Amino acid sequence: MKKSASPYARYLTQKLGWYILTFFIAVLLNFLLPRLMPGNPISGIVAKMGTGGAPSDVLQKLYTSYTQEFGLDKPLHIQFFHYLLNVLRGDLGTSFSLYPTKVNEILARALPWTIALQIPAILVGWILGNLLGAVAAYKGGKFDSLIFPGALFINCIPYYCLAIILLYFFGVVFDILPIGRGYSPQFIPSFSLPFFFDLLKHYVLPFLSIVLVAIGGQAIGMRATSIYELNTDYVNYAKSLGIRDRKIIQYVFKNAMLPQITGLAISLGAMVGGSLITEIVFSYPGIGTSLFNAIRQQDYPLIQGCTLVIAIAILAANFLIDIVYATIDPRIRASQVEEQS
């Protein structure tokens, strides 16, 4: 007799179904939204070619050729059907502005820069912020009165403002760090120490602008949840039983970490989209800069490719949250199983 799936497995299957549906809705929006922008991208490309004095009939032939090449002469629903088939095959098309470069190649070059910048910054900000918040909640007093306003102040500064402030002081006033790009123009990427140190110098300011804001936000969240846990009945009961503070802190820290883990997963999922401003300010060669350039030039395939990467990252992070959260918190797992029973 075939054994039926457990309620928890059915729950995850149902969740996966919703995420797949959401993915297809995101693909539809990725296709439609760039086409709602005013203007014609092919006209822009041909106009650039016309600045050299090419005859109008040649430009008209170029316009017709490019329109057919990119499939923009077909009805919208046919374009979407072709786009959807290509996405399922892993082909994101050819860039308008960097023709004939494939969007996959552009994203493959840009994505490592974004990941190398965002993941370390998010993890460092998350770890330091949670430690500061937990210690501030436990110790209280002067330490808390110093950490809390400082974290609140830093967290209130938008990414781009902090990035511009850092760029101005360390790049312009003191002139000790580069103000933009991923590496100096005189270098060719290689596994050499001079290139590595040059890379590091260009990395510092974008990294600090992300990590400082992350520390502030995480410290505030962790401090609030830790204070709540420290005043709950189970902590007071544990204290009355004479359980050591170290053991109680372990319980408090574990329970207070649950919302913070959600925040970490969301931050990791949104890292590609969140990198937009930082990468633009520092001209950092990641997904954010690629998306910004694509929007300026109405490069539909590249816009669709960048936003698709962002959508997939967010959906994957949220699905991971559902799995991890239900796995590490027995209360949520139990409630899910009861709902499915």
C-alpha atoms as a PDB file:
ATOM      1  CA  MET A   1       0.000   0.000   0.000  1.00  0.00           C
ATOM      2  CA  LYS A   2       1.388   3.321  -1.065  1.00  0.00           C
ATOM      3  CA  LYS A   3       2.275   5.553   1.842  1.00  0.00           C
ATOM      4  CA  SER A   4       0.745   9.070   1.611  1.00  0.00           C
ATOM      5  CA  ALA A   5       2.925  12.166   1.959  1.00  0.00           C
ATOM      6  CA  SER A   6       3.196  13.757   5.373  1.00  0.00           C
ATOM      7  CA  PRO A   7       1.252  16.988   6.102  1.00  0.00           C
ATOM      8  CA  TYR A   8       4.529  18.883   6.279  1.00  0.00           C
ATOM      9  CA  ALA A   9       5.586  17.595   2.825  1.00  0.00           C
ATOM     10  CA  ARG A  10       2.176  18.554   1.435  1.00  0.00           C
ATOM     11  CA  TYR A  11       2.578  21.989   2.960  1.00  0.00           C
ATOM     12  CA  LEU A  12       5.947  22.480   1.238  1.00  0.00           C
ATOM     13  CA  THR A  13       4.555  21.189  -2.072  1.00  0.00           C
ATOM     14  CA  GLN A  14       1.693  23.660  -1.839  1.00  0.00           C
ATOM     15  CA  LYS A  15       4.126  26.473  -1.063  1.00  0.00           C
ATOM     16  CA  LEU A  16       6.276  25.481  -4.032  1.00  0.00           C
ATOM     17  CA  GLY A  17       3.208  25.617  -6.285  1.00  0.00           C
ATOM     18  CA  TRP A  18       2.438  29.163  -5.161  1.00  0.00           C
ATOM     19  CA  TYR A  19       6.027  30.236  -5.750  1.00  0.00           C
ATOM     20  CA  ILE A  20       5.986  28.786  -9.273  1.00  0.00           C
ATOM     21  CA  LEU A  21       2.757  30.695 -10.001  1.00  0.00           C
ATOM     22  CA  THR A  22       4.327  33.868  -8.610  1.00  0.00           C
ATOM     23  CA  PHE A  23       7.363  33.287 -10.826  1.00  0.00           C
ATOM     24  CA  PHE A  24       5.225  33.243 -13.969  1.00  0.00           C
ATOM     25  CA  ILE A  25       3.435  36.425 -12.871  1.00  0.00           C
ATOM     26  CA  ALA A  26       6.854  38.034 -12.324  1.00  0.00           C
ATOM     27  CA  VAL A  27       7.924  36.935 -15.814  1.00  0.00           C
ATOM     28  CA  LEU A  28       4.780  38.534 -17.278  1.00  0.00           C
ATOM     29  CA  LEU A  29       5.482  41.817 -15.451  1.00  0.00           C
ATOM     30  CA  ASN A  30       9.137  41.676 -16.505  1.00  0.00           C
ATOM     31  CA  PHE A  31       7.971  41.528 -20.093  1.00  0.00           C
ATOM     32  CA  LEU A  32       5.248  44.184 -19.903  1.00  0.00           C
ATOM     33  CA  LEU A  33       6.744  46.904 -17.692  1.00  0.00           C
ATOM     34  CA  PRO A  34       9.721  47.856 -19.932  1.00  0.00           C
ATOM     35  CA  ARG A  35       7.315  48.191 -22.870  1.00  0.00           C
ATOM     36  CA  LEU A  36       5.207  50.707 -20.929  1.00  0.00           C
ATOM     37  CA  MET A  37       8.077  53.178 -20.962  1.00  0.00           C
ATOM     38  CA  PRO A  38       7.630  56.036 -23.447  1.00  0.00           C
ATOM     39  CA  GLY A  39       9.812  56.019 -26.548  1.00  0.00           C
ATOM     40  CA  ASN A  40      11.051  53.487 -29.082  1.00  0.00           C
ATOM     41  CA  PRO A  41      14.399  51.769 -28.367  1.00  0.00           C
ATOM     42  CA  ILE A  42      15.029  50.963 -32.029  1.00  0.00           C
ATOM     43  CA  SER A  43      14.612  54.631 -32.970  1.00  0.00           C
ATOM     44  CA  GLY A  44      17.246  55.487 -30.368  1.00  0.00           C
ATOM     45  CA  ILE A  45      19.735  52.964 -31.788  1.00  0.00           C
ATOM     46  CA  VAL A  46      19.174  54.115 -35.373  1.00  0.00           C
ATOM     47  CA  ALA A  47      19.361  57.797 -34.353  1.00  0.00           C
ATOM     48  CA  LYS A  48      22.852  57.201 -32.935  1.00  0.00           C
ATOM     49  CA  MET A  49      23.911  55.703 -36.267  1.00  0.00           C
ATOM     50  CA  GLY A  50      22.397  58.683 -38.080  1.00  0.00           C
ATOM     51  CA  THR A  51      24.713  61.139 -36.327  1.00  0.00           C
ATOM     52  CA  GLY A  52      27.431  60.146 -38.847  1.00  0.00           C
ATOM     53  CA  GLY A  53      25.353  61.520 -41.736  1.00  0.00           C
ATOM     54  CA  ALA A  54      23.938  58.255 -43.133  1.00  0.00           C
ATOM     55  CA  PRO A  55      21.189  58.643 -45.802  1.00  0.00           C
ATOM     56  CA  SER A  56      17.603  58.447 -44.567  1.00  0.00           C
ATOM     57  CA  ASP A  57      16.746  55.401 -46.722  1.00  0.00           C
ATOM     58  CA  VAL A  58      19.667  53.506 -45.182  1.00  0.00           C
ATOM     59  CA  LEU A  59      18.473  54.453 -41.711  1.00  0.00           C
ATOM     60  CA  GLN A  60      14.962  53.294 -42.583  1.00  0.00           C
ATOM     61  CA  LYS A  61      16.328  49.921 -43.725  1.00  0.00           C
ATOM     62  CA  LEU A  62      18.327  49.667 -40.518  1.00  0.00           C
ATOM     63  CA  TYR A  63      15.207  50.479 -38.485  1.00  0.00           C
ATOM     64  CA  THR A  64      13.219  47.764 -40.275  1.00  0.00           C
ATOM     65  CA  SER A  65      16.071  45.269 -39.972  1.00  0.00           C
ATOM     66  CA  TYR A  66      16.535  45.838 -36.225  1.00  0.00           C
ATOM     67  CA  THR A  67      12.797  45.733 -35.578  1.00  0.00           C
ATOM     68  CA  GLN A  68      12.574  42.327 -37.297  1.00  0.00           C
ATOM     69  CA  GLU A  69      15.803  41.124 -35.656  1.00  0.00           C
ATOM     70  CA  PHE A  70      14.457  41.805 -32.154  1.00  0.00           C
ATOM     71  CA  GLY A  71      10.940  40.601 -32.993  1.00  0.00           C
ATOM     72  CA  LEU A  72       9.313  43.942 -32.157  1.00  0.00           C
ATOM     73  CA  ASP A  73       7.245  43.848 -35.360  1.00  0.00           C
ATOM     74  CA  LYS A  74       5.172  40.955 -34.021  1.00  0.00           C
ATOM     75  CA  PRO A  75       2.011  41.272 -31.881  1.00  0.00           C
ATOM     76  CA  LEU A  76       2.637  41.636 -28.160  1.00  0.00           C
ATOM     77  CA  HIS A  77       1.253  38.226 -27.207  1.00  0.00           C
ATOM     78  CA  ILE A  78       3.505  36.520 -29.803  1.00  0.00           C
ATOM     79  CA  GLN A  79       6.504  38.432 -28.402  1.00  0.00           C
ATOM     80  CA  PHE A  80       5.610  37.287 -24.899  1.00  0.00           C
ATOM     81  CA  PHE A  81       5.219  33.676 -25.995  1.00  0.00           C
ATOM     82  CA  HIS A  82       8.687  33.716 -27.602  1.00  0.00           C
ATOM     83  CA  TYR A  83      10.130  35.448 -24.534  1.00  0.00           C
ATOM     84  CA  LEU A  84       8.605  32.852 -22.202  1.00  0.00           C
ATOM     85  CA  LEU A  85       9.943  29.939 -24.274  1.00  0.00           C
ATOM     86  CA  ASN A  86      13.415  31.523 -24.327  1.00  0.00           C
ATOM     87  CA  VAL A  87      13.354  32.086 -20.555  1.00  0.00           C
ATOM     88  CA  LEU A  88      12.449  28.435 -19.961  1.00  0.00           C
ATOM     89  CA  ARG A  89      15.394  27.492 -22.219  1.00  0.00           C
ATOM     90  CA  GLY A  90      17.679  29.844 -20.242  1.00  0.00           C
ATOM     91  CA  ASP A  91      18.070  32.302 -23.148  1.00  0.00           C
ATOM     92  CA  LEU A  92      17.453  35.911 -22.076  1.00  0.00           C
ATOM     93  CA  GLY A  93      17.934  37.354 -25.552  1.00  0.00           C
ATOM     94  CA  THR A  94      20.321  39.860 -27.130  1.00  0.00           C
ATOM     95  CA  SER A  95      21.025  43.282 -25.677  1.00  0.00           C
ATOM     96  CA  PHE A  96      19.784  46.245 -27.736  1.00  0.00           C
ATOM     97  CA  SER A  97      22.423  48.675 -26.487  1.00  0.00           C
ATOM     98  CA  LEU A  98      25.371  46.225 -26.565  1.00  0.00           C
ATOM     99  CA  TYR A  99      24.330  44.335 -29.705  1.00  0.00           C
ATOM    100  CA  PRO A 100      25.242  41.549 -30.486  1.00  0.00           C
ATOM    101  CA  THR A 101      26.205  40.656 -26.893  1.00  0.00           C
ATOM    102  CA  LYS A 102      23.845  38.179 -25.223  1.00  0.00           C
ATOM    103  CA  VAL A 103      22.117  39.237 -21.994  1.00  0.00           C
ATOM    104  CA  ASN A 104      23.309  36.004 -20.351  1.00  0.00           C
ATOM    105  CA  GLU A 105      26.922  37.096 -20.934  1.00  0.00           C
ATOM    106  CA  ILE A 106      26.318  40.576 -19.483  1.00  0.00           C
ATOM    107  CA  LEU A 107      24.636  39.143 -16.375  1.00  0.00           C
ATOM    108  CA  ALA A 108      27.345  36.507 -15.983  1.00  0.00           C
ATOM    109  CA  ARG A 109      29.950  39.291 -15.893  1.00  0.00           C
ATOM    110  CA  ALA A 110      27.944  41.577 -13.570  1.00  0.00           C
ATOM    111  CA  LEU A 111      26.502  39.082 -11.077  1.00  0.00           C
ATOM    112  CA  PRO A 112      29.813  38.049  -9.430  1.00  0.00           C
ATOM    113  CA  TRP A 113      30.563  41.701  -8.629  1.00  0.00           C
ATOM    114  CA  THR A 114      27.181  42.133  -6.941  1.00  0.00           C
ATOM    115  CA  ILE A 115      27.430  38.872  -5.018  1.00  0.00           C
ATOM    116  CA  ALA A 116      31.009  39.579  -3.909  1.00  0.00           C
ATOM    117  CA  LEU A 117      29.936  42.988  -2.619  1.00  0.00           C
ATOM    118  CA  GLN A 118      26.550  42.204  -1.114  1.00  0.00           C
ATOM    119  CA  ILE A 119      26.869  38.813   0.601  1.00  0.00           C
ATOM    120  CA  PRO A 120      29.922  39.690   2.774  1.00  0.00           C
ATOM    121  CA  ALA A 121      28.416  43.103   3.617  1.00  0.00           C
ATOM    122  CA  ILE A 122      25.030  41.614   4.559  1.00  0.00           C
ATOM    123  CA  LEU A 123      26.570  38.799   6.637  1.00  0.00           C
ATOM    124  CA  VAL A 124      29.031  41.080   8.461  1.00  0.00           C
ATOM    125  CA  GLY A 125      26.270  43.636   9.112  1.00  0.00           C
ATOM    126  CA  TRP A 126      23.914  40.926  10.316  1.00  0.00           C
ATOM    127  CA  ILE A 127      26.397  39.288  12.702  1.00  0.00           C
ATOM    128  CA  LEU A 128      27.779  42.516  14.197  1.00  0.00           C
ATOM    129  CA  GLY A 129      24.335  44.129  14.408  1.00  0.00           C
ATOM    130  CA  ASN A 130      22.800  41.164  16.225  1.00  0.00           C
ATOM    131  CA  LEU A 131      25.690  40.892  18.656  1.00  0.00           C
ATOM    132  CA  LEU A 132      25.517  44.597  19.471  1.00  0.00           C
ATOM    133  CA  GLY A 133      21.720  44.479  19.854  1.00  0.00           C
ATOM    134  CA  ALA A 134      21.793  41.416  22.115  1.00  0.00           C
ATOM    135  CA  VAL A 135      24.560  42.821  24.337  1.00  0.00           C
ATOM    136  CA  ALA A 136      22.816  46.213  24.527  1.00  0.00           C
ATOM    137  CA  ALA A 137      19.554  44.550  25.624  1.00  0.00           C
ATOM    138  CA  TYR A 138      21.285  42.350  28.220  1.00  0.00           C
ATOM    139  CA  LYS A 139      23.656  44.909  29.714  1.00  0.00           C
ATOM    140  CA  GLY A 140      21.418  47.979  29.456  1.00  0.00           C
ATOM    141  CA  GLY A 141      22.677  51.121  31.187  1.00  0.00           C
ATOM    142  CA  LYS A 142      25.349  53.254  29.529  1.00  0.00           C
ATOM    143  CA  PHE A 143      26.200  50.640  26.937  1.00  0.00           C
ATOM    144  CA  ASP A 144      22.599  50.536  25.729  1.00  0.00           C
ATOM    145  CA  SER A 145      22.260  54.333  25.849  1.00  0.00           C
ATOM    146  CA  LEU A 146      25.310  54.524  23.585  1.00  0.00           C
ATOM    147  CA  ILE A 147      24.490  51.732  21.140  1.00  0.00           C
ATOM    148  CA  PHE A 148      20.782  52.355  20.632  1.00  0.00           C
ATOM    149  CA  PRO A 149      20.906  56.034  19.534  1.00  0.00           C
ATOM    150  CA  GLY A 150      23.964  55.311  17.397  1.00  0.00           C
ATOM    151  CA  ALA A 151      22.269  52.377  15.637  1.00  0.00           C
ATOM    152  CA  LEU A 152      19.085  54.391  15.194  1.00  0.00           C
ATOM    153  CA  PHE A 153      20.984  57.303  13.664  1.00  0.00           C
ATOM    154  CA  ILE A 154      22.938  55.129  11.210  1.00  0.00           C
ATOM    155  CA  ASN A 155      19.844  53.129  10.244  1.00  0.00           C
ATOM    156  CA  CYS A 156      17.953  56.326   9.419  1.00  0.00           C
ATOM    157  CA  ILE A 157      20.575  57.349   6.852  1.00  0.00           C
ATOM    158  CA  PRO A 158      19.580  56.105   3.358  1.00  0.00           C
ATOM    159  CA  TYR A 159      22.144  53.931   1.575  1.00  0.00           C
ATOM    160  CA  TYR A 160      22.809  56.497  -1.109  1.00  0.00           C
ATOM    161  CA  CYS A 161      23.315  59.345   1.407  1.00  0.00           C
ATOM    162  CA  LEU A 162      25.852  57.352   3.401  1.00  0.00           C
ATOM    163  CA  ALA A 163      27.535  56.286   0.155  1.00  0.00           C
ATOM    164  CA  ILE A 164      27.841  59.910  -0.991  1.00  0.00           C
ATOM    165  CA  ILE A 165      29.117  61.022   2.445  1.00  0.00           C
ATOM    166  CA  LEU A 166      31.793  58.295   2.464  1.00  0.00           C
ATOM    167  CA  LEU A 167      32.702  59.027  -1.135  1.00  0.00           C
ATOM    168  CA  TYR A 168      33.043  62.749  -0.438  1.00  0.00           C
ATOM    169  CA  PHE A 169      35.203  62.475   2.672  1.00  0.00           C
ATOM    170  CA  PHE A 170      37.401  59.450   1.881  1.00  0.00           C
ATOM    171  CA  GLY A 171      37.511  59.868  -1.884  1.00  0.00           C
ATOM    172  CA  VAL A 172      37.504  63.645  -2.369  1.00  0.00           C
ATOM    173  CA  VAL A 173      38.511  65.449   0.854  1.00  0.00           C
ATOM    174  CA  PHE A 174      41.127  62.997   2.169  1.00  0.00           C
ATOM    175  CA  ASP A 175      41.762  61.356  -1.223  1.00  0.00           C
ATOM    176  CA  ILE A 176      42.760  57.999   0.308  1.00  0.00           C
ATOM    177  CA  LEU A 177      40.315  55.716  -1.567  1.00  0.00           C
ATOM    178  CA  PRO A 178      39.051  55.568  -5.182  1.00  0.00           C
ATOM    179  CA  ILE A 179      35.710  57.237  -5.841  1.00  0.00           C
ATOM    180  CA  GLY A 180      34.393  54.713  -8.375  1.00  0.00           C
ATOM    181  CA  ARG A 181      34.719  51.637 -10.620  1.00  0.00           C
ATOM    182  CA  GLY A 182      35.614  48.076  -9.599  1.00  0.00           C
ATOM    183  CA  TYR A 183      39.322  48.496 -10.395  1.00  0.00           C
ATOM    184  CA  SER A 184      41.693  51.025 -11.964  1.00  0.00           C
ATOM    185  CA  PRO A 185      41.622  51.350 -15.789  1.00  0.00           C
ATOM    186  CA  GLN A 186      45.366  50.613 -16.091  1.00  0.00           C
ATOM    187  CA  PHE A 187      44.861  47.108 -14.652  1.00  0.00           C
ATOM    188  CA  ILE A 188      43.826  43.988 -16.535  1.00  0.00           C
ATOM    189  CA  PRO A 189      41.966  41.521 -14.251  1.00  0.00           C
ATOM    190  CA  SER A 190      44.417  38.853 -13.133  1.00  0.00           C
ATOM    191  CA  PHE A 191      45.409  36.762 -10.109  1.00  0.00           C
ATOM    192  CA  SER A 192      48.177  39.133  -9.035  1.00  0.00           C
ATOM    193  CA  LEU A 193      48.790  40.971  -5.761  1.00  0.00           C
ATOM    194  CA  PRO A 194      48.821  44.486  -7.310  1.00  0.00           C
ATOM    195  CA  PHE A 195      45.445  43.839  -8.928  1.00  0.00           C
ATOM    196  CA  PHE A 196      44.064  42.337  -5.707  1.00  0.00           C
ATOM    197  CA  PHE A 197      45.072  45.384  -3.632  1.00  0.00           C
ATOM    198  CA  ASP A 198      43.635  47.706  -6.276  1.00  0.00           C
ATOM    199  CA  LEU A 199      40.409  45.684  -6.207  1.00  0.00           C
ATOM    200  CA  LEU A 200      40.323  45.930  -2.412  1.00  0.00           C
ATOM    201  CA  LYS A 201      40.763  49.709  -2.470  1.00  0.00           C
ATOM    202  CA  HIS A 202      37.773  50.073  -4.787  1.00  0.00           C
ATOM    203  CA  TYR A 203      35.778  47.643  -2.630  1.00  0.00           C
ATOM    204  CA  VAL A 204      36.087  49.429   0.735  1.00  0.00           C
ATOM    205  CA  LEU A 205      33.692  52.356   0.302  1.00  0.00           C
ATOM    206  CA  PRO A 206      30.762  50.434  -1.305  1.00  0.00           C
ATOM    207  CA  PHE A 207      31.194  47.734   1.347  1.00  0.00           C
ATOM    208  CA  LEU A 208      31.152  50.234   4.245  1.00  0.00           C
ATOM    209  CA  SER A 209      28.108  52.065   2.895  1.00  0.00           C
ATOM    210  CA  ILE A 210      26.108  48.814   2.991  1.00  0.00           C
ATOM    211  CA  VAL A 211      27.494  47.240   6.144  1.00  0.00           C
ATOM    212  CA  LEU A 212      27.112  50.307   8.397  1.00  0.00           C
ATOM    213  CA  VAL A 213      23.410  50.682   7.581  1.00  0.00           C
ATOM    214  CA  ALA A 214      22.907  46.924   8.012  1.00  0.00           C
ATOM    215  CA  ILE A 215      24.546  46.981  11.458  1.00  0.00           C
ATOM    216  CA  GLY A 216      22.225  49.775  12.582  1.00  0.00           C
ATOM    217  CA  GLY A 217      19.060  48.020  11.401  1.00  0.00           C
ATOM    218  CA  GLN A 218      19.979  44.605  12.793  1.00  0.00           C
ATOM    219  CA  ALA A 219      21.065  46.027  16.167  1.00  0.00           C
ATOM    220  CA  ILE A 220      17.740  47.827  16.615  1.00  0.00           C
ATOM    221  CA  GLY A 221      15.718  44.715  15.735  1.00  0.00           C
ATOM    222  CA  MET A 222      17.764  42.376  17.904  1.00  0.00           C
ATOM    223  CA  ARG A 223      17.704  44.752  20.868  1.00  0.00           C
ATOM    224  CA  ALA A 224      13.903  45.031  20.722  1.00  0.00           C
ATOM    225  CA  THR A 225      13.252  41.290  20.473  1.00  0.00           C
ATOM    226  CA  SER A 226      15.838  40.502  23.176  1.00  0.00           C
ATOM    227  CA  ILE A 227      14.259  42.981  25.605  1.00  0.00           C
ATOM    228  CA  TYR A 228      10.863  41.387  24.935  1.00  0.00           C
ATOM    229  CA  GLU A 229      12.245  37.893  25.561  1.00  0.00           C
ATOM    230  CA  LEU A 230      14.071  38.981  28.739  1.00  0.00           C
ATOM    231  CA  ASN A 231      10.736  40.074  30.239  1.00  0.00           C
ATOM    232  CA  THR A 232       8.739  36.974  29.350  1.00  0.00           C
ATOM    233  CA  ASP A 233       7.370  34.518  31.926  1.00  0.00           C
ATOM    234  CA  TYR A 234       9.702  31.670  31.035  1.00  0.00           C
ATOM    235  CA  VAL A 235      12.754  33.856  31.750  1.00  0.00           C
ATOM    236  CA  ASN A 236      11.363  34.963  35.127  1.00  0.00           C
ATOM    237  CA  TYR A 237      10.496  31.359  35.937  1.00  0.00           C
ATOM    238  CA  ALA A 238      13.989  30.221  34.967  1.00  0.00           C
ATOM    239  CA  LYS A 239      15.519  32.897  37.185  1.00  0.00           C
ATOM    240  CA  SER A 240      13.328  31.839  40.127  1.00  0.00           C
ATOM    241  CA  LEU A 241      14.583  28.270  39.680  1.00  0.00           C
ATOM    242  CA  GLY A 242      18.145  29.525  39.982  1.00  0.00           C
ATOM    243  CA  ILE A 243      19.182  28.633  36.438  1.00  0.00           C
ATOM    244  CA  ARG A 244      22.442  30.276  35.518  1.00  0.00           C
ATOM    245  CA  ASP A 245      22.356  33.542  33.505  1.00  0.00           C
ATOM    246  CA  ARG A 246      24.456  32.007  30.756  1.00  0.00           C
ATOM    247  CA  LYS A 247      21.842  29.302  30.151  1.00  0.00           C
ATOM    248  CA  ILE A 248      18.993  31.814  30.208  1.00  0.00           C
ATOM    249  CA  ILE A 249      20.801  34.018  27.702  1.00  0.00           C
ATOM    250  CA  GLN A 250      21.107  31.044  25.369  1.00  0.00           C
ATOM    251  CA  TYR A 251      17.312  30.562  25.461  1.00  0.00           C
ATOM    252  CA  VAL A 252      16.683  34.278  24.973  1.00  0.00           C
ATOM    253  CA  PHE A 253      19.162  34.565  22.120  1.00  0.00           C
ATOM    254  CA  LYS A 254      17.711  31.537  20.326  1.00  0.00           C
ATOM    255  CA  ASN A 255      14.131  32.838  20.465  1.00  0.00           C
ATOM    256  CA  ALA A 256      15.138  36.396  19.590  1.00  0.00           C
ATOM    257  CA  MET A 257      17.056  35.161  16.547  1.00  0.00           C
ATOM    258  CA  LEU A 258      13.965  33.852  14.718  1.00  0.00           C
ATOM    259  CA  PRO A 259      12.806  37.230  13.325  1.00  0.00           C
ATOM    260  CA  GLN A 260      16.417  38.133  12.605  1.00  0.00           C
ATOM    261  CA  ILE A 261      16.870  35.005  10.482  1.00  0.00           C
ATOM    262  CA  THR A 262      13.859  36.088   8.456  1.00  0.00           C
ATOM    263  CA  GLY A 263      15.456  39.497   8.027  1.00  0.00           C
ATOM    264  CA  LEU A 264      18.710  37.884   6.878  1.00  0.00           C
ATOM    265  CA  ALA A 265      16.959  35.767   4.258  1.00  0.00           C
ATOM    266  CA  ILE A 266      15.016  38.778   2.980  1.00  0.00           C
ATOM    267  CA  SER A 267      18.226  40.835   2.823  1.00  0.00           C
ATOM    268  CA  LEU A 268      19.978  38.114   0.842  1.00  0.00           C
ATOM    269  CA  GLY A 269      17.015  37.832  -1.501  1.00  0.00           C
ATOM    270  CA  ALA A 270      16.801  41.563  -2.050  1.00  0.00           C
ATOM    271  CA  MET A 271      20.539  42.075  -2.353  1.00  0.00           C
ATOM    272  CA  VAL A 272      20.502  42.380  -6.153  1.00  0.00           C
ATOM    273  CA  GLY A 273      17.813  45.041  -6.143  1.00  0.00           C
ATOM    274  CA  GLY A 274      19.285  46.729  -3.088  1.00  0.00           C
ATOM    275  CA  SER A 275      22.619  47.096  -4.807  1.00  0.00           C
ATOM    276  CA  LEU A 276      21.217  49.451  -7.427  1.00  0.00           C
ATOM    277  CA  ILE A 277      21.888  52.763  -5.656  1.00  0.00           C
ATOM    278  CA  THR A 278      25.233  51.761  -4.158  1.00  0.00           C
ATOM    279  CA  GLU A 279      26.547  50.509  -7.492  1.00  0.00           C
ATOM    280  CA  ILE A 280      25.355  53.634  -9.309  1.00  0.00           C
ATOM    281  CA  VAL A 281      26.999  55.970  -6.765  1.00  0.00           C
ATOM    282  CA  PHE A 282      30.329  54.143  -7.007  1.00  0.00           C
ATOM    283  CA  SER A 283      30.017  53.087 -10.688  1.00  0.00           C
ATOM    284  CA  TYR A 284      30.510  49.542  -9.424  1.00  0.00           C
ATOM    285  CA  PRO A 285      30.207  47.015 -12.297  1.00  0.00           C
ATOM    286  CA  GLY A 286      27.372  44.874 -10.882  1.00  0.00           C
ATOM    287  CA  ILE A 287      23.748  44.085 -11.707  1.00  0.00           C
ATOM    288  CA  GLY A 288      22.554  47.444 -10.348  1.00  0.00           C
ATOM    289  CA  THR A 289      24.725  49.408 -12.768  1.00  0.00           C
ATOM    290  CA  SER A 290      23.681  47.130 -15.659  1.00  0.00           C
ATOM    291  CA  LEU A 291      20.007  47.699 -14.843  1.00  0.00           C
ATOM    292  CA  PHE A 292      20.483  51.452 -14.582  1.00  0.00           C
ATOM    293  CA  ASN A 293      22.216  51.609 -17.982  1.00  0.00           C
ATOM    294  CA  ALA A 294      19.565  49.340 -19.506  1.00  0.00           C
ATOM    295  CA  ILE A 295      16.722  51.593 -18.307  1.00  0.00           C
ATOM    296  CA  ARG A 296      18.457  54.690 -19.667  1.00  0.00           C
ATOM    297  CA  GLN A 297      18.800  53.076 -23.100  1.00  0.00           C
ATOM    298  CA  GLN A 298      15.433  51.250 -23.105  1.00  0.00           C
ATOM    299  CA  ASP A 299      17.263  47.983 -23.528  1.00  0.00           C
ATOM    300  CA  TYR A 300      14.244  45.678 -23.046  1.00  0.00           C
ATOM    301  CA  PRO A 301      16.104  42.327 -22.978  1.00  0.00           C
ATOM    302  CA  LEU A 302      18.685  43.580 -20.483  1.00  0.00           C
ATOM    303  CA  ILE A 303      16.024  45.160 -18.237  1.00  0.00           C
ATOM    304  CA  GLN A 304      14.071  41.893 -18.354  1.00  0.00           C
ATOM    305  CA  GLY A 305      17.215  39.889 -17.554  1.00  0.00           C
ATOM    306  CA  CYS A 306      18.181  42.049 -14.555  1.00  0.00           C
ATOM    307  CA  THR A 307      14.676  42.168 -13.085  1.00  0.00           C
ATOM    308  CA  LEU A 308      14.257  38.435 -13.638  1.00  0.00           C
ATOM    309  CA  VAL A 309      17.415  37.760 -11.628  1.00  0.00           C
ATOM    310  CA  ILE A 310      16.078  40.022  -8.858  1.00  0.00           C
ATOM    311  CA  ALA A 311      12.678  38.274  -8.870  1.00  0.00           C
ATOM    312  CA  ILE A 312      14.232  34.791  -8.749  1.00  0.00           C
ATOM    313  CA  ALA A 313      16.520  35.810  -5.879  1.00  0.00           C
ATOM    314  CA  ILE A 314      13.610  37.198  -3.830  1.00  0.00           C
ATOM    315  CA  LEU A 315      11.369  34.178  -4.476  1.00  0.00           C
ATOM    316  CA  ALA A 316      14.162  31.739  -3.628  1.00  0.00           C
ATOM    317  CA  ALA A 317      14.916  33.619  -0.403  1.00  0.00           C
ATOM    318  CA  ASN A 318      11.271  33.625   0.671  1.00  0.00           C
ATOM    319  CA  PHE A 319      10.887  29.932  -0.076  1.00  0.00           C
ATOM    320  CA  LEU A 320      14.028  29.308   1.962  1.00  0.00           C
ATOM    321  CA  ILE A 321      12.507  31.315   4.818  1.00  0.00           C
ATOM    322  CA  ASP A 322       9.423  29.091   4.786  1.00  0.00           C
ATOM    323  CA  ILE A 323      11.560  25.957   4.998  1.00  0.00           C
ATOM    324  CA  VAL A 324      14.102  27.205   7.544  1.00  0.00           C
ATOM    325  CA  TYR A 325      11.561  28.954   9.740  1.00  0.00           C
ATOM    326  CA  ALA A 326       9.342  25.886   9.973  1.00  0.00           C
ATOM    327  CA  THR A 327      12.364  23.668  10.576  1.00  0.00           C
ATOM    328  CA  ILE A 328      13.958  25.619  13.413  1.00  0.00           C
ATOM    329  CA  ASP A 329      10.747  26.684  15.187  1.00  0.00           C
ATOM    330  CA  PRO A 330       8.732  23.690  16.452  1.00  0.00           C
ATOM    331  CA  ARG A 331       5.677  25.880  17.147  1.00  0.00           C
ATOM    332  CA  ILE A 332       5.343  26.882  13.495  1.00  0.00           C
ATOM    333  CA  ARG A 333       5.989  23.346  12.281  1.00  0.00           C
ATOM    334  CA  ALA A 334       3.291  22.008  14.605  1.00  0.00           C
ATOM    335  CA  SER A 335       0.755  24.620  13.483  1.00  0.00           C
ATOM    336  CA  GLN A 336       1.452  23.829   9.813  1.00  0.00           C
ATOM    337  CA  VAL A 337       0.962  20.129  10.358  1.00  0.00           C
ATOM    338  CA  GLU A 338      -2.292  20.761  12.242  1.00  0.00           C
ATOM    339  CA  GLU A 339      -3.617  22.927   9.394  1.00  0.00           C
ATOM    340  CA  GLN A 340      -2.952  20.169   6.894  1.00  0.00           C
ATOM    341  CA  SER A 341      -4.416  17.385   9.038  1.00  0.00           C
END
